[in-house]
């Protein structure tokens, strides 16, 4: 299992009560939401702030081994990944060999061979999905979804609804990518609809903004277990026998009795 997917799983479950003696404060506290730092270019210098991300991801048009070689060496042991517009099986195997922890790929043009190596695998979703495609996410060989919505500040209710519509398609983790800052209230609203983490462009965010984002994430109360989302997608059609008869049906029955 990748470090990022493991971090998300630990955030989604209650930490067990500490056994033995000693103060309860010594028990490990896991931030409910994950924070992933996004870079548009490979870098060896992750942000050194109170809002240090749980993982780093480099967004690239294509996987260029030369530019990633030094980064892979500098970030050895860290959770880092690649968000690529195109990725094949050979490139995925090379990334795994260099210590890449996870990949983010689009559905269009991504061969299944690129998803066979033991890395975290995230499906990139831009905007919204129609029902026919959305329902398939649960069965795909991916560990979660990274989605981008309309980039607006502040986030509108309509955009929150669109994000929630994608979230509702799957029980797998969903991370939201943002370039602009997110307020404490927006983080709370995103958390309430089931978003598991944020992918923040750290090249645009200030250290203070990252620190504030991390602080708010740490203050979130754990969610109650969410109902099975797949059941919400199935129309609840009552049996014919349980439906009340239409007026014209009642009239026909009365005529037959006469």
Protein backbone atom coordinates (compact mmCIF):
# COMPACT_ATOMS: atom_id res chain seq x y z
CA UNK A 1 0.00 0.00 0.00
CA UNK A 2 1.24 3.49 -0.80
CA UNK A 3 2.03 5.96 1.99
CA UNK A 4 -0.69 8.34 0.78
CA UNK A 5 -3.46 5.75 0.60
CA UNK A 6 -2.39 4.43 4.00
CA UNK A 7 -2.52 7.98 5.40
CA UNK A 8 -6.04 8.43 4.02
CA UNK A 9 -7.19 5.14 5.52
CA UNK A 10 -5.79 6.06 8.94
CA UNK A 11 -7.58 9.41 8.75
CA UNK A 12 -10.87 7.69 7.94
CA UNK A 13 -10.90 5.40 10.94
CA UNK A 14 -10.97 6.14 14.63
CA UNK A 15 -7.66 5.64 16.39
CA UNK A 16 -8.11 2.82 18.94
CA UNK A 17 -8.07 3.70 22.61
CA UNK A 18 -4.59 3.62 24.08
CA UNK A 19 -3.91 0.63 26.32
CA UNK A 20 -1.76 0.67 29.44
CA UNK A 21 -0.65 3.57 31.60
CA UNK A 22 0.40 7.08 30.75
CA UNK A 23 -1.36 10.28 29.66
CA UNK A 24 -3.91 10.04 26.87
CA UNK A 25 -2.19 12.92 25.09
CA UNK A 26 0.58 10.49 24.08
CA UNK A 27 -1.84 8.70 21.76
CA UNK A 28 -1.15 9.45 18.11
CA UNK A 29 -3.54 12.00 16.67
CA UNK A 30 -4.20 11.75 12.95
CA UNK A 31 -5.52 14.79 11.10
CA UNK A 32 -8.94 13.84 9.65
CA UNK A 33 -8.20 15.40 6.24
CA UNK A 34 -5.07 14.92 4.12
CA UNK A 35 -3.12 17.77 2.57
CA UNK A 36 -1.21 17.19 -0.67
CA UNK A 37 1.15 19.85 -1.99
CA UNK A 38 0.96 20.40 -5.76
CA UNK A 39 3.92 21.56 -7.84
CA UNK A 40 3.75 22.41 -11.53
CA UNK A 41 7.49 21.67 -11.83
CA UNK A 42 9.68 19.05 -10.10
CA UNK A 43 11.42 20.45 -7.02
CA UNK A 44 13.74 19.04 -4.37
CA UNK A 45 12.65 21.56 -1.73
CA UNK A 46 9.26 20.79 -0.16
CA UNK A 47 7.66 23.64 1.84
CA UNK A 48 9.03 24.02 5.37
CA UNK A 49 6.03 25.38 7.25
CA UNK A 50 3.55 24.40 9.94
CA UNK A 51 1.32 23.32 7.08
CA UNK A 52 3.74 20.72 5.72
CA UNK A 53 1.79 18.49 3.33
CA UNK A 54 1.29 14.76 3.87
CA UNK A 55 2.52 14.19 0.31
CA UNK A 56 3.78 16.04 -2.76
CA UNK A 57 2.59 15.64 -6.33
CA UNK A 58 4.23 16.97 -9.49
CA UNK A 59 1.87 17.85 -12.32
CA UNK A 60 3.55 17.16 -15.65
CA UNK A 61 2.54 17.16 -19.29
CA UNK A 62 4.65 14.03 -19.68
CA UNK A 63 7.00 11.94 -17.54
CA UNK A 64 10.54 13.19 -18.19
CA UNK A 65 13.03 10.93 -16.47
CA UNK A 66 15.86 13.46 -16.42
CA UNK A 67 13.87 16.08 -14.50
CA UNK A 68 12.52 13.53 -12.01
CA UNK A 69 15.78 11.69 -11.34
CA UNK A 70 17.20 14.25 -8.88
CA UNK A 71 13.81 14.80 -7.25
CA UNK A 72 13.41 11.08 -6.64
CA UNK A 73 16.81 10.93 -4.96
CA UNK A 74 16.18 14.01 -2.77
CA UNK A 75 12.73 12.84 -1.66
CA UNK A 76 13.74 9.26 -0.90
CA UNK A 77 11.47 7.90 1.82
CA UNK A 78 8.88 10.66 1.36
CA UNK A 79 5.40 10.30 -0.11
CA UNK A 80 5.57 11.86 -3.56
CA UNK A 81 3.69 11.23 -6.74
CA UNK A 82 3.20 12.25 -10.35
CA UNK A 83 0.08 13.74 -11.92
CA UNK A 84 0.58 13.04 -15.61
CA UNK A 85 -1.49 13.79 -18.68
CA UNK A 86 -0.12 10.59 -20.20
CA UNK A 87 1.48 7.54 -18.62
CA UNK A 88 2.31 4.12 -20.02
CA UNK A 89 3.32 0.86 -18.38
CA UNK A 90 7.06 1.34 -18.87
CA UNK A 91 6.98 4.83 -17.35
CA UNK A 92 4.90 3.62 -14.40
CA UNK A 93 7.39 0.81 -13.70
CA UNK A 94 10.28 3.32 -13.81
CA UNK A 95 8.48 5.66 -11.40
CA UNK A 96 7.86 2.78 -9.00
CA UNK A 97 11.53 1.83 -9.14
CA UNK A 98 12.50 5.43 -8.28
CA UNK A 99 10.27 5.50 -5.21
CA UNK A 100 7.15 7.17 -6.60
CA UNK A 101 4.33 6.57 -4.13
CA UNK A 102 1.26 7.31 -6.27
CA UNK A 103 0.09 8.51 -9.67
CA UNK A 104 -2.85 10.63 -10.82
CA UNK A 105 -4.03 9.85 -14.36
CA UNK A 106 -6.98 10.66 -16.63
CA UNK A 107 -9.25 7.92 -17.87
CA UNK A 108 -8.85 8.91 -21.52
CA UNK A 109 -5.64 7.55 -23.02
CA UNK A 110 -4.36 5.74 -19.91
CA UNK A 111 -3.55 2.08 -20.68
CA UNK A 112 -4.38 -0.44 -17.98
CA UNK A 113 -0.71 -1.48 -17.97
CA UNK A 114 0.06 1.86 -16.29
CA UNK A 115 -2.03 0.80 -13.27
CA UNK A 116 -0.59 -2.65 -12.58
CA UNK A 117 2.37 -1.59 -10.39
CA UNK A 118 1.91 -1.38 -6.63
CA UNK A 119 1.53 2.36 -6.28
CA UNK A 120 -1.39 4.49 -5.18
CA UNK A 121 -3.63 5.03 -8.21
CA UNK A 122 -5.93 8.03 -8.48
CA UNK A 123 -8.35 8.84 -11.28
CA UNK A 124 -8.36 12.45 -12.41
CA UNK A 125 -11.84 13.90 -12.93
CA UNK A 126 -12.29 17.37 -14.42
CA UNK A 127 -15.60 19.02 -13.58
CA UNK A 128 -18.53 16.60 -13.46
CA UNK A 129 -19.38 13.11 -14.73
CA UNK A 130 -22.55 11.77 -16.25
CA UNK A 131 -24.32 8.95 -14.43
CA UNK A 132 -23.21 6.27 -16.89
CA UNK A 133 -19.50 6.90 -16.27
CA UNK A 134 -19.80 7.93 -12.64
CA UNK A 135 -21.32 4.62 -11.63
CA UNK A 136 -18.28 2.74 -12.95
CA UNK A 137 -15.69 4.35 -10.63
CA UNK A 138 -16.34 1.88 -7.84
CA UNK A 139 -15.28 -1.05 -10.05
CA UNK A 140 -12.20 0.56 -11.58
CA UNK A 141 -8.62 -0.45 -10.57
CA UNK A 142 -8.03 2.88 -8.76
CA UNK A 143 -7.70 3.74 -5.08
CA UNK A 144 -9.44 7.08 -5.24
CA UNK A 145 -10.29 10.21 -7.21
CA UNK A 146 -8.61 13.59 -7.61
CA UNK A 147 -11.08 16.10 -8.99
CA UNK A 148 -10.97 19.69 -10.16
CA UNK A 149 -14.04 21.89 -10.13
CA UNK A 150 -14.69 25.43 -11.29
CA UNK A 151 -11.85 27.53 -9.86
CA UNK A 152 -13.68 30.32 -8.09
CA UNK A 153 -13.15 32.33 -4.92
CA UNK A 154 -15.20 32.10 -2.82
CA UNK A 155 -16.65 28.65 -3.57
CA UNK A 156 -20.33 28.97 -4.49
CA UNK A 157 -23.18 26.72 -3.41
CA UNK A 158 -23.58 25.57 -7.04
CA UNK A 159 -19.92 24.48 -7.16
CA UNK A 160 -20.29 22.66 -3.85
CA UNK A 161 -23.27 20.81 -5.31
CA UNK A 162 -21.25 19.80 -8.38
CA UNK A 163 -18.40 18.55 -6.18
CA UNK A 164 -20.88 16.61 -4.06
CA UNK A 165 -22.41 15.03 -7.17
CA UNK A 166 -19.03 13.49 -8.09
CA UNK A 167 -18.42 12.50 -4.48
CA UNK A 168 -21.71 10.65 -4.47
CA UNK A 169 -20.65 8.23 -7.19
CA UNK A 170 -18.13 6.32 -5.07
CA UNK A 171 -17.18 5.24 -1.59
CA UNK A 172 -13.49 5.56 -2.51
CA UNK A 173 -11.50 8.55 -1.23
CA UNK A 174 -11.98 11.81 -3.14
CA UNK A 175 -9.44 14.65 -3.05
CA UNK A 176 -10.19 18.14 -4.38
CA UNK A 177 -7.49 20.09 -6.24
CA UNK A 178 -7.44 23.87 -5.73
CA UNK A 179 -5.18 26.68 -6.91
CA UNK A 180 -6.76 29.44 -4.85
CA UNK A 181 -6.96 29.62 -1.03
CA UNK A 182 -9.72 27.80 0.85
CA UNK A 183 -11.32 29.37 3.91
CA UNK A 184 -12.01 27.56 7.18
CA UNK A 185 -15.74 27.52 6.47
CA UNK A 186 -15.18 26.12 2.97
CA UNK A 187 -12.99 23.35 4.40
CA UNK A 188 -15.77 22.49 6.85
CA UNK A 189 -18.37 22.37 4.05
CA UNK A 190 -16.13 20.20 1.86
CA UNK A 191 -15.53 17.87 4.80
CA UNK A 192 -19.27 17.63 5.48
CA UNK A 193 -20.01 16.42 1.92
CA UNK A 194 -17.33 13.74 2.17
CA UNK A 195 -14.17 15.22 0.65
CA UNK A 196 -11.17 13.40 2.16
CA UNK A 197 -8.41 15.87 1.39
CA UNK A 198 -7.17 18.87 -0.56
CA UNK A 199 -4.49 19.13 -3.24
CA UNK A 200 -3.17 22.69 -2.88
CA UNK A 201 -0.87 24.49 -5.33
CA UNK A 202 1.96 25.33 -2.91
CA UNK A 203 3.67 27.52 -5.49
CA UNK A 204 0.74 29.93 -5.25
CA UNK A 205 -0.19 29.53 -1.57
CA UNK A 206 1.67 31.43 1.15
CA UNK A 207 3.22 29.56 4.10
CA UNK A 208 0.65 31.27 6.34
CA UNK A 209 -2.22 30.00 4.17
CA UNK A 210 -0.86 26.45 4.24
CA UNK A 211 -0.48 26.63 8.01
CA UNK A 212 -4.05 27.91 8.42
CA UNK A 213 -5.37 25.15 6.16
CA UNK A 214 -3.57 22.46 8.14
CA UNK A 215 -4.78 23.96 11.43
CA UNK A 216 -8.42 23.91 10.31
CA UNK A 217 -8.09 20.34 9.07
CA UNK A 218 -6.80 19.29 12.48
CA UNK A 219 -9.83 20.84 14.20
CA UNK A 220 -12.41 18.91 12.15
CA UNK A 221 -14.56 16.49 14.10
CA UNK A 222 -14.62 12.93 12.79
CA UNK A 223 -17.57 12.10 10.60
CA UNK A 224 -20.16 9.53 11.46
CA UNK A 225 -20.03 6.49 9.16
CA UNK A 226 -21.65 7.42 5.85
CA UNK A 227 -24.38 5.18 4.40
CA UNK A 228 -23.63 3.01 1.38
CA UNK A 229 -23.63 5.50 -1.48
CA UNK A 230 -24.38 2.86 -4.09
CA UNK A 231 -27.83 2.32 -2.60
CA UNK A 232 -28.57 6.01 -3.01
CA UNK A 233 -28.07 5.69 -6.78
CA UNK A 234 -30.72 2.97 -7.17
CA UNK A 235 -34.25 4.35 -7.63
CA UNK A 236 -36.57 3.27 -4.85
CA UNK A 237 -39.47 1.86 -6.86
CA UNK A 238 -42.34 0.53 -4.81
CA UNK A 239 -43.84 -2.84 -5.82
CA UNK A 240 -46.90 -2.57 -8.03
CA UNK A 241 -49.03 -4.18 -5.36
CA UNK A 242 -48.06 -1.49 -2.88
CA UNK A 243 -48.99 1.42 -5.13
CA UNK A 244 -52.40 3.05 -4.66
CA UNK A 245 -54.69 2.47 -7.68
CA UNK A 246 -55.18 5.34 -10.12
CA UNK A 247 -58.59 6.98 -10.23
CA UNK A 248 -59.43 5.49 -13.66
CA UNK A 249 -58.58 2.01 -12.35
CA UNK A 250 -61.03 2.44 -9.48
CA UNK A 251 -63.76 3.56 -11.91
CA UNK A 252 -63.20 0.50 -14.14
CA UNK A 253 -63.49 -1.83 -11.13
CA UNK A 254 -66.80 -0.19 -10.09
CA UNK A 255 -68.23 -0.60 -13.63
CA UNK A 256 -67.32 -4.31 -13.64
CA UNK A 257 -69.08 -4.85 -10.31
CA UNK A 258 -72.24 -3.19 -11.63
